[in-house]
Amino acid sequence: MIVVHHLNNSRSQRVLWLLEELGLPYEVRRYERNPATMLAPPELKAVHPLGKSPVLDDGEVRVAETGAIIEYLLDAYDLEGRLRPARGTADGRRFTYWLHYAEGSAMPPLLLKLVFSQLPKRAPGLVRPLVNGVAAKAQAGFIDPQLKTHADWQEKELAATGWFAGPDFSAADIMMSFPLEAAASRAVDLAAYPNIARFLQTIHARPAWKRALERGGDYAYA
């Protein structure tokens, strides 16, 4: 039995979704964030030294990091290539790009946006105005322009087919779901990005996405 060590409101939701798309049986081992800090509980460190989610167990195999888990599951169980274009093709190269872009380039400015938006709320009262000013300048001068550059690029790339790696839905779209959901919740106005908005509406209507949501529970970006 495949076991997913799943943290609420986290990127591990994508692993559940892929498992549903593949039609594989699996067990969800749930962990809840600390409501005050929003950090993962210390119990996850017994699973992986970093104490992060997702982590997948498949028999004696243990895999961490969402992208690595997705590649493992595709290699092991998607033998017909339903969710990955053929290697060596243009779409196959696009697939690899978006699979790694989702965490390597798309998420860092979104994390910066989250951190700098929370700094004034967590600062001591006497220095809060100063922290607020620094945070506002960082967002306006660097973070927000970066987020716009990424959103413009994503919007353009979705224009041709509605998907990131060719004419068909693939696991690259599963990987890209989290940064786009996060961006829509805190960074971009979807009214200016109709292709991104359409992408999110389409994936949220997929039966496998809905089943994964039922299995995973609370998911703030849904």
N, C-alpha and C. Protein backbone atom coordinates (compact mmCIF):
# COMPACT_ATOMS: atom_id res chain seq x y z
N MET A 1 0.84 -1.20 0.00
CA MET A 1 0.00 0.00 0.00
C MET A 1 0.88 1.26 0.00
N ILE A 2 0.57 2.18 -0.89
CA ILE A 2 1.26 3.46 -0.91
C ILE A 2 0.74 4.31 0.25
N VAL A 3 1.66 4.96 0.94
CA VAL A 3 1.30 5.85 2.06
C VAL A 3 1.81 7.25 1.74
N VAL A 4 0.93 8.24 1.86
CA VAL A 4 1.31 9.63 1.67
C VAL A 4 1.28 10.32 3.03
N HIS A 5 2.42 10.85 3.43
CA HIS A 5 2.49 11.67 4.65
C HIS A 5 2.06 13.08 4.24
N HIS A 6 0.84 13.43 4.63
CA HIS A 6 0.14 14.57 4.05
C HIS A 6 -0.09 15.64 5.10
N LEU A 7 0.36 16.86 4.80
CA LEU A 7 0.15 18.02 5.66
C LEU A 7 -1.00 18.85 5.12
N ASN A 8 -1.89 19.26 6.01
CA ASN A 8 -3.03 20.07 5.54
C ASN A 8 -2.54 21.39 4.93
N ASN A 9 -3.31 21.90 3.98
CA ASN A 9 -2.99 23.16 3.30
C ASN A 9 -1.56 23.17 2.77
N SER A 10 -1.20 22.15 2.02
CA SER A 10 0.19 22.07 1.56
C SER A 10 0.27 21.50 0.15
N ARG A 11 1.50 21.48 -0.34
CA ARG A 11 1.77 21.01 -1.69
C ARG A 11 1.54 19.51 -1.83
N SER A 12 1.44 18.81 -0.72
CA SER A 12 1.22 17.36 -0.82
C SER A 12 -0.13 17.02 -1.41
N GLN A 13 -1.04 18.01 -1.49
CA GLN A 13 -2.32 17.78 -2.14
C GLN A 13 -2.13 17.31 -3.58
N ARG A 14 -1.07 17.80 -4.23
CA ARG A 14 -0.82 17.41 -5.63
C ARG A 14 -0.50 15.92 -5.76
N VAL A 15 0.15 15.35 -4.74
CA VAL A 15 0.47 13.93 -4.79
C VAL A 15 -0.81 13.10 -4.71
N LEU A 16 -1.72 13.50 -3.84
CA LEU A 16 -3.02 12.81 -3.75
C LEU A 16 -3.75 12.88 -5.08
N TRP A 17 -3.71 14.05 -5.71
CA TRP A 17 -4.38 14.24 -6.99
C TRP A 17 -3.79 13.31 -8.05
N LEU A 18 -2.45 13.22 -8.13
CA LEU A 18 -1.84 12.34 -9.12
C LEU A 18 -2.23 10.89 -8.86
N LEU A 19 -2.24 10.48 -7.61
CA LEU A 19 -2.63 9.10 -7.29
C LEU A 19 -4.06 8.83 -7.73
N GLU A 20 -4.94 9.81 -7.57
CA GLU A 20 -6.32 9.65 -8.03
C GLU A 20 -6.38 9.57 -9.55
N GLU A 21 -5.60 10.38 -10.24
CA GLU A 21 -5.57 10.33 -11.70
C GLU A 21 -5.07 8.98 -12.19
N LEU A 22 -4.12 8.39 -11.47
CA LEU A 22 -3.57 7.08 -11.84
C LEU A 22 -4.45 5.93 -11.39
N GLY A 23 -5.42 6.22 -10.53
CA GLY A 23 -6.31 5.17 -10.05
C GLY A 23 -5.65 4.20 -9.10
N LEU A 24 -4.67 4.68 -8.32
CA LEU A 24 -3.93 3.81 -7.41
C LEU A 24 -4.51 3.86 -6.00
N PRO A 25 -4.56 2.73 -5.31
CA PRO A 25 -4.97 2.75 -3.91
C PRO A 25 -3.86 3.34 -3.04
N TYR A 26 -4.24 4.09 -2.02
CA TYR A 26 -3.24 4.69 -1.15
C TYR A 26 -3.85 5.04 0.19
N GLU A 27 -2.98 5.20 1.17
CA GLU A 27 -3.39 5.61 2.51
C GLU A 27 -2.87 7.02 2.77
N VAL A 28 -3.71 7.85 3.38
CA VAL A 28 -3.30 9.20 3.76
C VAL A 28 -2.96 9.21 5.25
N ARG A 29 -1.73 9.57 5.58
CA ARG A 29 -1.34 9.75 6.98
C ARG A 29 -1.28 11.25 7.23
N ARG A 30 -2.22 11.75 7.99
CA ARG A 30 -2.43 13.19 8.11
C ARG A 30 -1.58 13.82 9.22
N TYR A 31 -1.13 15.05 8.95
CA TYR A 31 -0.43 15.87 9.92
C TYR A 31 -1.05 17.27 9.84
N GLU A 32 -1.22 17.92 10.97
CA GLU A 32 -1.87 19.22 11.01
C GLU A 32 -0.86 20.31 11.36
N ARG A 33 -0.97 21.44 10.69
CA ARG A 33 -0.11 22.58 10.98
C ARG A 33 -0.43 23.16 12.36
N ASN A 34 0.60 23.74 12.99
CA ASN A 34 0.38 24.50 14.21
C ASN A 34 -0.44 25.73 13.86
N PRO A 35 -1.62 25.93 14.45
CA PRO A 35 -2.47 27.05 14.06
C PRO A 35 -1.86 28.43 14.34
N ALA A 36 -0.93 28.49 15.28
CA ALA A 36 -0.30 29.78 15.60
C ALA A 36 0.84 30.11 14.65
N THR A 37 1.67 29.12 14.36
CA THR A 37 2.85 29.36 13.52
C THR A 37 2.65 28.92 12.08
N MET A 38 1.65 28.07 11.82
CA MET A 38 1.40 27.47 10.52
C MET A 38 2.52 26.54 10.07
N LEU A 39 3.39 26.15 11.00
CA LEU A 39 4.46 25.22 10.68
C LEU A 39 4.00 23.78 10.85
N ALA A 40 4.70 22.87 10.18
CA ALA A 40 4.39 21.45 10.29
C ALA A 40 4.70 20.96 11.71
N PRO A 41 4.00 19.94 12.17
CA PRO A 41 4.25 19.43 13.52
C PRO A 41 5.57 18.68 13.58
N PRO A 42 6.16 18.57 14.78
CA PRO A 42 7.45 17.88 14.91
C PRO A 42 7.39 16.40 14.55
N GLU A 43 6.18 15.81 14.55
CA GLU A 43 6.05 14.40 14.21
C GLU A 43 6.57 14.09 12.80
N LEU A 44 6.53 15.07 11.92
CA LEU A 44 7.01 14.83 10.56
C LEU A 44 8.51 14.59 10.50
N LYS A 45 9.25 15.07 11.52
CA LYS A 45 10.69 14.84 11.53
C LYS A 45 11.03 13.38 11.76
N ALA A 46 10.09 12.63 12.29
CA ALA A 46 10.31 11.19 12.42
C ALA A 46 10.19 10.49 11.07
N VAL A 47 9.56 11.17 10.11
CA VAL A 47 9.41 10.64 8.76
C VAL A 47 10.59 11.04 7.88
N HIS A 48 10.98 12.33 7.99
CA HIS A 48 12.08 12.87 7.19
C HIS A 48 12.81 13.91 8.03
N PRO A 49 14.12 13.96 7.98
CA PRO A 49 14.86 14.89 8.84
C PRO A 49 14.46 16.35 8.70
N LEU A 50 13.99 16.76 7.53
CA LEU A 50 13.59 18.15 7.34
C LEU A 50 12.21 18.44 7.92
N GLY A 51 11.45 17.41 8.23
CA GLY A 51 10.12 17.62 8.79
C GLY A 51 9.17 18.27 7.82
N LYS A 52 9.32 17.98 6.54
CA LYS A 52 8.49 18.58 5.50
C LYS A 52 7.56 17.53 4.88
N SER A 53 6.52 18.03 4.24
CA SER A 53 5.59 17.18 3.50
C SER A 53 5.53 17.71 2.07
N PRO A 54 5.34 16.85 1.07
CA PRO A 54 4.97 15.45 1.17
C PRO A 54 6.16 14.50 1.25
N VAL A 55 5.89 13.34 1.82
CA VAL A 55 6.78 12.18 1.76
C VAL A 55 5.91 11.00 1.39
N LEU A 56 6.40 10.17 0.48
CA LEU A 56 5.65 9.01 0.02
C LEU A 56 6.40 7.74 0.36
N ASP A 57 5.69 6.77 0.92
CA ASP A 57 6.22 5.43 1.15
C ASP A 57 5.53 4.46 0.20
N ASP A 58 6.32 3.68 -0.51
CA ASP A 58 5.79 2.65 -1.38
C ASP A 58 6.57 1.37 -1.09
N GLY A 59 6.05 0.57 -0.16
CA GLY A 59 6.82 -0.57 0.30
C GLY A 59 8.07 -0.11 1.02
N GLU A 60 9.22 -0.54 0.54
CA GLU A 60 10.49 -0.14 1.15
C GLU A 60 11.05 1.15 0.56
N VAL A 61 10.36 1.71 -0.43
CA VAL A 61 10.83 2.93 -1.08
C VAL A 61 10.23 4.14 -0.38
N ARG A 62 11.07 5.10 -0.05
CA ARG A 62 10.60 6.37 0.52
C ARG A 62 11.11 7.50 -0.36
N VAL A 63 10.21 8.39 -0.78
CA VAL A 63 10.57 9.50 -1.66
C VAL A 63 10.03 10.79 -1.05
N ALA A 64 10.86 11.84 -1.03
CA ALA A 64 10.45 13.16 -0.58
C ALA A 64 10.57 14.14 -1.75
N GLU A 65 9.95 15.31 -1.60
CA GLU A 65 9.87 16.38 -2.59
C GLU A 65 8.81 16.04 -3.65
N THR A 66 7.92 16.99 -3.86
CA THR A 66 6.77 16.75 -4.74
C THR A 66 7.19 16.33 -6.14
N GLY A 67 8.13 17.07 -6.74
CA GLY A 67 8.54 16.74 -8.09
C GLY A 67 9.15 15.36 -8.20
N ALA A 68 9.98 15.00 -7.21
CA ALA A 68 10.60 13.67 -7.21
C ALA A 68 9.55 12.58 -7.03
N ILE A 69 8.56 12.84 -6.18
CA ILE A 69 7.48 11.87 -5.97
C ILE A 69 6.68 11.69 -7.26
N ILE A 70 6.39 12.78 -7.94
CA ILE A 70 5.63 12.68 -9.18
C ILE A 70 6.41 11.88 -10.22
N GLU A 71 7.70 12.15 -10.35
CA GLU A 71 8.51 11.39 -11.31
C GLU A 71 8.55 9.91 -10.93
N TYR A 72 8.68 9.62 -9.64
CA TYR A 72 8.70 8.23 -9.20
C TYR A 72 7.40 7.52 -9.56
N LEU A 73 6.27 8.16 -9.27
CA LEU A 73 4.98 7.52 -9.53
C LEU A 73 4.76 7.31 -11.03
N LEU A 74 5.17 8.28 -11.83
CA LEU A 74 5.02 8.12 -13.28
C LEU A 74 5.91 6.98 -13.80
N ASP A 75 7.14 6.92 -13.32
CA ASP A 75 8.05 5.86 -13.75
C ASP A 75 7.53 4.48 -13.33
N ALA A 76 6.95 4.41 -12.13
CA ALA A 76 6.55 3.11 -11.59
C ALA A 76 5.18 2.66 -12.06
N TYR A 77 4.27 3.61 -12.31
CA TYR A 77 2.88 3.23 -12.51
C TYR A 77 2.22 3.78 -13.77
N ASP A 78 2.77 4.81 -14.38
CA ASP A 78 2.16 5.35 -15.61
C ASP A 78 2.90 4.77 -16.81
N LEU A 79 2.81 3.46 -16.95
CA LEU A 79 3.61 2.77 -17.97
C LEU A 79 3.15 3.08 -19.38
N GLU A 80 1.90 3.51 -19.54
CA GLU A 80 1.39 3.84 -20.87
C GLU A 80 1.63 5.31 -21.22
N GLY A 81 2.17 6.09 -20.28
CA GLY A 81 2.48 7.49 -20.56
C GLY A 81 1.25 8.37 -20.71
N ARG A 82 0.20 8.07 -19.96
CA ARG A 82 -1.02 8.88 -20.06
C ARG A 82 -0.81 10.30 -19.56
N LEU A 83 0.08 10.47 -18.57
CA LEU A 83 0.22 11.77 -17.91
C LEU A 83 1.60 12.39 -18.13
N ARG A 84 2.33 11.87 -19.13
CA ARG A 84 3.64 12.44 -19.44
C ARG A 84 3.92 12.27 -20.93
N PRO A 85 4.19 13.34 -21.65
CA PRO A 85 4.54 13.21 -23.07
C PRO A 85 5.80 12.39 -23.24
N ALA A 86 5.97 11.86 -24.42
CA ALA A 86 7.13 11.00 -24.70
C ALA A 86 8.43 11.77 -24.54
N ARG A 87 9.40 11.11 -23.92
CA ARG A 87 10.71 11.73 -23.75
C ARG A 87 11.36 11.96 -25.12
N GLY A 88 12.14 13.04 -25.20
CA GLY A 88 12.83 13.35 -26.44
C GLY A 88 12.02 14.15 -27.43
N THR A 89 10.74 14.38 -27.12
CA THR A 89 9.89 15.19 -27.99
C THR A 89 9.84 16.62 -27.44
N ALA A 90 9.32 17.53 -28.28
CA ALA A 90 9.19 18.92 -27.84
C ALA A 90 8.28 19.01 -26.61
N ASP A 91 7.17 18.28 -26.64
CA ASP A 91 6.26 18.30 -25.49
C ASP A 91 6.91 17.65 -24.27
N GLY A 92 7.72 16.62 -24.49
CA GLY A 92 8.44 16.00 -23.39
C GLY A 92 9.40 16.96 -22.72
N ARG A 93 10.06 17.80 -23.52
CA ARG A 93 10.97 18.79 -22.95
C ARG A 93 10.19 19.87 -22.21
N ARG A 94 9.04 20.25 -22.76
CA ARG A 94 8.18 21.22 -22.06
C ARG A 94 7.72 20.63 -20.73
N PHE A 95 7.38 19.37 -20.73
CA PHE A 95 6.94 18.71 -19.50
C PHE A 95 8.03 18.82 -18.42
N THR A 96 9.27 18.48 -18.79
CA THR A 96 10.36 18.55 -17.82
C THR A 96 10.56 19.97 -17.31
N TYR A 97 10.47 20.93 -18.22
CA TYR A 97 10.64 22.33 -17.82
C TYR A 97 9.61 22.74 -16.78
N TRP A 98 8.33 22.53 -17.08
CA TRP A 98 7.28 22.99 -16.16
C TRP A 98 7.26 22.19 -14.87
N LEU A 99 7.65 20.92 -14.94
CA LEU A 99 7.71 20.11 -13.73
C LEU A 99 8.68 20.73 -12.72
N HIS A 100 9.82 21.22 -13.22
CA HIS A 100 10.83 21.79 -12.33
C HIS A 100 10.63 23.29 -12.10
N TYR A 101 10.08 23.97 -13.08
CA TYR A 101 9.81 25.41 -12.92
C TYR A 101 8.85 25.67 -11.77
N ALA A 102 7.89 24.78 -11.56
CA ALA A 102 6.85 25.00 -10.55
C ALA A 102 7.45 25.28 -9.18
N GLU A 103 8.49 24.53 -8.79
CA GLU A 103 9.13 24.76 -7.50
C GLU A 103 10.38 25.63 -7.62
N GLY A 104 11.11 25.48 -8.72
CA GLY A 104 12.39 26.17 -8.83
C GLY A 104 12.28 27.66 -9.09
N SER A 105 11.29 28.10 -9.88
CA SER A 105 11.16 29.51 -10.23
C SER A 105 9.85 30.14 -9.78
N ALA A 106 8.75 29.39 -9.87
CA ALA A 106 7.44 29.98 -9.58
C ALA A 106 7.21 30.20 -8.10
N MET A 107 7.65 29.28 -7.24
CA MET A 107 7.33 29.37 -5.82
C MET A 107 8.14 30.39 -5.02
N PRO A 108 9.44 30.61 -5.30
CA PRO A 108 10.20 31.55 -4.46
C PRO A 108 9.58 32.94 -4.33
N PRO A 109 9.16 33.63 -5.41
CA PRO A 109 8.54 34.94 -5.19
C PRO A 109 7.22 34.87 -4.45
N LEU A 110 6.50 33.76 -4.60
CA LEU A 110 5.25 33.61 -3.85
C LEU A 110 5.53 33.45 -2.36
N LEU A 111 6.60 32.73 -2.02
CA LEU A 111 6.98 32.60 -0.62
C LEU A 111 7.44 33.94 -0.06
N LEU A 112 8.19 34.70 -0.85
CA LEU A 112 8.60 36.03 -0.42
C LEU A 112 7.39 36.93 -0.18
N LYS A 113 6.40 36.82 -1.05
CA LYS A 113 5.18 37.61 -0.87
C LYS A 113 4.51 37.26 0.45
N LEU A 114 4.43 35.97 0.74
CA LEU A 114 3.81 35.54 1.99
C LEU A 114 4.59 36.04 3.20
N VAL A 115 5.92 35.90 3.16
CA VAL A 115 6.75 36.31 4.29
C VAL A 115 6.65 37.81 4.54
N PHE A 116 6.82 38.61 3.48
CA PHE A 116 6.82 40.06 3.67
C PHE A 116 5.44 40.61 4.00
N SER A 117 4.39 39.93 3.60
CA SER A 117 3.05 40.38 3.98
C SER A 117 2.75 40.07 5.44
N GLN A 118 3.43 39.05 5.99
CA GLN A 118 3.20 38.67 7.39
C GLN A 118 4.13 39.40 8.35
N LEU A 119 5.24 39.94 7.88
CA LEU A 119 6.21 40.57 8.77
C LEU A 119 5.60 41.67 9.64
N PRO A 120 4.85 42.64 9.08
CA PRO A 120 4.31 43.69 9.94
C PRO A 120 3.37 43.16 11.02
N LYS A 121 2.64 42.11 10.73
CA LYS A 121 1.71 41.55 11.71
C LYS A 121 2.43 40.91 12.88
N ARG A 122 3.64 40.43 12.64
CA ARG A 122 4.39 39.71 13.67
C ARG A 122 5.44 40.58 14.36
N ALA A 123 5.61 41.81 13.88
CA ALA A 123 6.62 42.70 14.46
C ALA A 123 6.11 43.30 15.77
N PRO A 124 7.03 43.58 16.73
CA PRO A 124 6.62 44.28 17.96
C PRO A 124 6.01 45.64 17.63
N GLY A 125 5.11 46.09 18.47
CA GLY A 125 4.34 47.30 18.19
C GLY A 125 5.18 48.52 17.89
N LEU A 126 6.27 48.73 18.62
CA LEU A 126 7.07 49.94 18.47
C LEU A 126 7.76 50.02 17.11
N VAL A 127 8.12 48.88 16.55
CA VAL A 127 8.84 48.89 15.27
C VAL A 127 7.93 48.52 14.11
N ARG A 128 6.67 48.29 14.38
CA ARG A 128 5.77 47.85 13.32
C ARG A 128 5.69 48.82 12.15
N PRO A 129 5.59 50.15 12.40
CA PRO A 129 5.56 51.07 11.24
C PRO A 129 6.80 50.97 10.38
N LEU A 130 7.98 50.82 11.01
CA LEU A 130 9.22 50.69 10.23
C LEU A 130 9.22 49.40 9.42
N VAL A 131 8.83 48.30 10.06
CA VAL A 131 8.79 47.01 9.37
C VAL A 131 7.78 47.06 8.23
N ASN A 132 6.65 47.71 8.48
CA ASN A 132 5.62 47.83 7.44
C ASN A 132 6.16 48.58 6.23
N GLY A 133 6.93 49.64 6.47
CA GLY A 133 7.49 50.41 5.37
C GLY A 133 8.50 49.60 4.57
N VAL A 134 9.37 48.88 5.26
CA VAL A 134 10.37 48.04 4.58
C VAL A 134 9.68 46.95 3.76
N ALA A 135 8.67 46.31 4.39
CA ALA A 135 7.96 45.24 3.69
C ALA A 135 7.24 45.75 2.46
N ALA A 136 6.62 46.92 2.58
CA ALA A 136 5.89 47.49 1.45
C ALA A 136 6.84 47.82 0.29
N LYS A 137 8.01 48.38 0.62
CA LYS A 137 8.98 48.71 -0.43
C LYS A 137 9.52 47.45 -1.10
N ALA A 138 9.77 46.41 -0.32
CA ALA A 138 10.27 45.16 -0.89
C ALA A 138 9.25 44.55 -1.84
N GLN A 139 7.99 44.60 -1.45
CA GLN A 139 6.95 44.03 -2.30
C GLN A 139 6.76 44.85 -3.57
N ALA A 140 6.67 46.17 -3.42
CA ALA A 140 6.42 47.02 -4.59
C ALA A 140 7.62 47.08 -5.52
N GLY A 141 8.83 47.06 -4.95
CA GLY A 141 10.01 47.24 -5.77
C GLY A 141 10.58 45.98 -6.39
N PHE A 142 10.31 44.84 -5.77
CA PHE A 142 10.92 43.60 -6.26
C PHE A 142 9.93 42.46 -6.41
N ILE A 143 9.20 42.13 -5.34
CA ILE A 143 8.39 40.92 -5.35
C ILE A 143 7.24 41.01 -6.33
N ASP A 144 6.45 42.09 -6.26
CA ASP A 144 5.29 42.21 -7.14
C ASP A 144 5.67 42.26 -8.62
N PRO A 145 6.73 42.98 -9.01
CA PRO A 145 7.14 42.92 -10.42
C PRO A 145 7.55 41.52 -10.86
N GLN A 146 8.21 40.78 -9.97
CA GLN A 146 8.57 39.40 -10.30
C GLN A 146 7.32 38.54 -10.51
N LEU A 147 6.35 38.71 -9.62
CA LEU A 147 5.12 37.92 -9.73
C LEU A 147 4.38 38.25 -11.04
N LYS A 148 4.40 39.51 -11.42
CA LYS A 148 3.75 39.89 -12.69
C LYS A 148 4.48 39.27 -13.88
N THR A 149 5.80 39.28 -13.84
CA THR A 149 6.57 38.66 -14.93
C THR A 149 6.22 37.19 -15.08
N HIS A 150 6.13 36.48 -13.95
CA HIS A 150 5.79 35.06 -14.00
C HIS A 150 4.36 34.85 -14.49
N ALA A 151 3.43 35.65 -13.98
CA ALA A 151 2.03 35.48 -14.39
C ALA A 151 1.85 35.78 -15.87
N ASP A 152 2.55 36.80 -16.38
CA ASP A 152 2.47 37.12 -17.81
C ASP A 152 2.98 35.94 -18.64
N TRP A 153 4.07 35.34 -18.20
CA TRP A 153 4.66 34.20 -18.90
C TRP A 153 3.72 33.00 -18.88
N GLN A 154 3.16 32.70 -17.73
CA GLN A 154 2.24 31.57 -17.60
C GLN A 154 0.99 31.79 -18.46
N GLU A 155 0.46 32.99 -18.44
CA GLU A 155 -0.72 33.31 -19.24
C GLU A 155 -0.46 33.08 -20.72
N LYS A 156 0.70 33.52 -21.18
CA LYS A 156 1.07 33.36 -22.59
C LYS A 156 1.22 31.88 -22.96
N GLU A 157 1.86 31.11 -22.09
CA GLU A 157 2.11 29.71 -22.37
C GLU A 157 0.82 28.88 -22.38
N LEU A 158 -0.17 29.28 -21.63
CA LEU A 158 -1.44 28.56 -21.59
C LEU A 158 -2.34 28.89 -22.78
N ALA A 159 -1.99 29.93 -23.52
CA ALA A 159 -2.88 30.41 -24.58
C ALA A 159 -3.10 29.37 -25.68
N ALA A 160 -2.09 28.59 -26.01
CA ALA A 160 -2.18 27.69 -27.16
C ALA A 160 -3.15 26.54 -26.93
N THR A 161 -2.99 25.83 -25.82
CA THR A 161 -3.79 24.61 -25.61
C THR A 161 -4.56 24.60 -24.30
N GLY A 162 -4.24 25.52 -23.39
CA GLY A 162 -4.85 25.48 -22.07
C GLY A 162 -4.07 24.63 -21.09
N TRP A 163 -3.04 23.92 -21.58
CA TRP A 163 -2.19 23.07 -20.74
C TRP A 163 -0.74 23.50 -20.90
N PHE A 164 0.11 23.05 -19.98
CA PHE A 164 1.50 23.52 -19.99
C PHE A 164 2.43 22.68 -20.84
N ALA A 165 2.11 21.43 -21.10
CA ALA A 165 3.06 20.55 -21.79
C ALA A 165 2.41 19.89 -23.00
N GLY A 166 1.90 20.70 -23.90
CA GLY A 166 1.31 20.15 -25.11
C GLY A 166 -0.20 20.21 -25.11
N PRO A 167 -0.84 19.45 -26.01
CA PRO A 167 -2.29 19.55 -26.19
C PRO A 167 -3.11 18.85 -25.12
N ASP A 168 -2.48 18.02 -24.28
CA ASP A 168 -3.23 17.21 -23.33
C ASP A 168 -2.82 17.52 -21.89
N PHE A 169 -3.73 17.27 -21.00
CA PHE A 169 -3.47 17.36 -19.57
C PHE A 169 -2.34 16.41 -19.19
N SER A 170 -1.44 16.87 -18.32
CA SER A 170 -0.32 16.02 -17.89
C SER A 170 0.01 16.30 -16.43
N ALA A 171 0.95 15.53 -15.90
CA ALA A 171 1.38 15.74 -14.52
C ALA A 171 2.08 17.09 -14.34
N ALA A 172 2.55 17.70 -15.42
CA ALA A 172 3.11 19.05 -15.31
C ALA A 172 2.03 20.03 -14.88
N ASP A 173 0.80 19.81 -15.33
CA ASP A 173 -0.31 20.67 -14.91
C ASP A 173 -0.63 20.46 -13.43
N ILE A 174 -0.47 19.23 -12.96
CA ILE A 174 -0.65 18.96 -11.54
C ILE A 174 0.39 19.74 -10.73
N MET A 175 1.64 19.71 -11.17
CA MET A 175 2.69 20.44 -10.47
C MET A 175 2.43 21.94 -10.49
N MET A 176 1.94 22.46 -11.60
CA MET A 176 1.73 23.89 -11.73
C MET A 176 0.49 24.37 -10.98
N SER A 177 -0.35 23.45 -10.55
CA SER A 177 -1.59 23.87 -9.89
C SER A 177 -1.33 24.66 -8.62
N PHE A 178 -0.37 24.22 -7.81
CA PHE A 178 -0.16 24.89 -6.52
C PHE A 178 0.33 26.32 -6.66
N PRO A 179 1.39 26.60 -7.46
CA PRO A 179 1.80 27.99 -7.59
C PRO A 179 0.71 28.88 -8.19
N LEU A 180 -0.10 28.35 -9.11
CA LEU A 180 -1.16 29.18 -9.67
C LEU A 180 -2.28 29.42 -8.66
N GLU A 181 -2.60 28.41 -7.87
CA GLU A 181 -3.60 28.61 -6.82
C GLU A 181 -3.10 29.60 -5.78
N ALA A 182 -1.81 29.48 -5.41
CA ALA A 182 -1.24 30.40 -4.44
C ALA A 182 -1.21 31.83 -5.00
N ALA A 183 -0.84 31.97 -6.26
CA ALA A 183 -0.81 33.30 -6.88
C ALA A 183 -2.20 33.92 -6.92
N ALA A 184 -3.19 33.11 -7.26
CA ALA A 184 -4.55 33.63 -7.33
C ALA A 184 -5.07 34.07 -5.97
N SER A 185 -4.57 33.43 -4.91
CA SER A 185 -5.06 33.74 -3.57
C SER A 185 -4.40 34.96 -2.97
N ARG A 186 -3.16 35.28 -3.41
CA ARG A 186 -2.46 36.35 -2.70
C ARG A 186 -1.67 37.30 -3.59
N ALA A 187 -1.64 37.08 -4.91
CA ALA A 187 -0.68 37.85 -5.69
C ALA A 187 -1.21 38.45 -6.98
N VAL A 188 -2.12 37.80 -7.68
CA VAL A 188 -2.54 38.30 -9.00
C VAL A 188 -4.06 38.39 -9.07
N ASP A 189 -4.51 39.31 -9.90
CA ASP A 189 -5.94 39.47 -10.16
C ASP A 189 -6.28 38.63 -11.38
N LEU A 190 -7.07 37.59 -11.20
CA LEU A 190 -7.37 36.67 -12.30
C LEU A 190 -8.17 37.34 -13.41
N ALA A 191 -8.78 38.47 -13.13
CA ALA A 191 -9.50 39.18 -14.19
C ALA A 191 -8.55 39.61 -15.30
N ALA A 192 -7.28 39.78 -14.97
CA ALA A 192 -6.28 40.18 -15.96
C ALA A 192 -5.63 38.98 -16.63
N TYR A 193 -5.96 37.77 -16.16
CA TYR A 193 -5.32 36.56 -16.66
C TYR A 193 -6.38 35.49 -16.95
N PRO A 194 -7.11 35.64 -18.04
CA PRO A 194 -8.21 34.71 -18.33
C PRO A 194 -7.75 33.28 -18.57
N ASN A 195 -6.56 33.09 -19.13
CA ASN A 195 -6.09 31.72 -19.38
C ASN A 195 -5.75 31.00 -18.07
N ILE A 196 -5.15 31.72 -17.14
CA ILE A 196 -4.88 31.14 -15.83
C ILE A 196 -6.18 30.83 -15.11
N ALA A 197 -7.13 31.76 -15.18
CA ALA A 197 -8.42 31.53 -14.53
C ALA A 197 -9.12 30.31 -15.12
N ARG A 198 -9.05 30.15 -16.43
CA ARG A 198 -9.68 29.02 -17.10
C ARG A 198 -8.98 27.71 -16.70
N PHE A 199 -7.66 27.76 -16.60
CA PHE A 199 -6.90 26.59 -16.19
C PHE A 199 -7.34 26.12 -14.80
N LEU A 200 -7.46 27.05 -13.86
CA LEU A 200 -7.85 26.68 -12.50
C LEU A 200 -9.28 26.14 -12.46
N GLN A 201 -10.18 26.76 -13.21
CA GLN A 201 -11.56 26.26 -13.25
C GLN A 201 -11.61 24.85 -13.82
N THR A 202 -10.79 24.60 -14.85
CA THR A 202 -10.81 23.29 -15.51
C THR A 202 -10.27 22.20 -14.61
N ILE A 203 -9.15 22.48 -13.94
CA ILE A 203 -8.58 21.42 -13.09
C ILE A 203 -9.47 21.16 -11.88
N HIS A 204 -10.11 22.20 -11.36
CA HIS A 204 -10.97 22.02 -10.19
C HIS A 204 -12.25 21.25 -10.53
N ALA A 205 -12.55 21.13 -11.80
CA ALA A 205 -13.72 20.36 -12.23
C ALA A 205 -13.40 18.90 -12.49
N ARG A 206 -12.11 18.54 -12.48
CA ARG A 206 -11.74 17.15 -12.76
C ARG A 206 -12.17 16.24 -11.61
N PRO A 207 -12.78 15.12 -11.91
CA PRO A 207 -13.22 14.21 -10.84
C PRO A 207 -12.08 13.77 -9.92
N ALA A 208 -10.90 13.51 -10.48
CA ALA A 208 -9.77 13.07 -9.65
C ALA A 208 -9.35 14.18 -8.69
N TRP A 209 -9.37 15.43 -9.13
CA TRP A 209 -9.03 16.55 -8.24
C TRP A 209 -10.03 16.62 -7.08
N LYS A 210 -11.30 16.42 -7.38
CA LYS A 210 -12.33 16.47 -6.34
C LYS A 210 -12.16 15.31 -5.36
N ARG A 211 -11.85 14.13 -5.86
CA ARG A 211 -11.64 12.99 -4.97
C ARG A 211 -10.44 13.21 -4.07
N ALA A 212 -9.37 13.79 -4.63
CA ALA A 212 -8.18 14.07 -3.83
C ALA A 212 -8.49 15.09 -2.73
N LEU A 213 -9.32 16.05 -3.04
CA LEU A 213 -9.70 17.05 -2.05
C LEU A 213 -10.48 16.40 -0.90
N GLU A 214 -11.34 15.46 -1.23
CA GLU A 214 -12.08 14.75 -0.19
C GLU A 214 -11.14 13.94 0.69
N ARG A 215 -10.13 13.32 0.08
CA ARG A 215 -9.18 12.52 0.86
C ARG A 215 -8.24 13.41 1.69
N GLY A 216 -7.83 14.52 1.12
CA GLY A 216 -6.83 15.36 1.79
C GLY A 216 -7.38 16.31 2.82
N GLY A 217 -8.64 16.70 2.67
CA GLY A 217 -9.24 17.60 3.64
C GLY A 217 -8.89 19.06 3.39
N ASP A 218 -8.83 19.83 4.45
CA ASP A 218 -8.67 21.27 4.39
C ASP A 218 -7.54 21.68 3.44
N TYR A 219 -7.88 22.58 2.50
CA TYR A 219 -6.93 23.01 1.49
C TYR A 219 -7.24 24.47 1.16
N ALA A 220 -6.43 25.38 1.70
CA ALA A 220 -6.76 26.81 1.66
C ALA A 220 -6.81 27.37 0.25
N TYR A 221 -6.06 26.76 -0.69
CA TYR A 221 -6.00 27.34 -2.03
C TYR A 221 -7.06 26.80 -2.96
N ALA A 222 -7.94 25.91 -2.44
CA ALA A 222 -8.99 25.35 -3.28
C ALA A 222 -10.06 26.39 -3.54
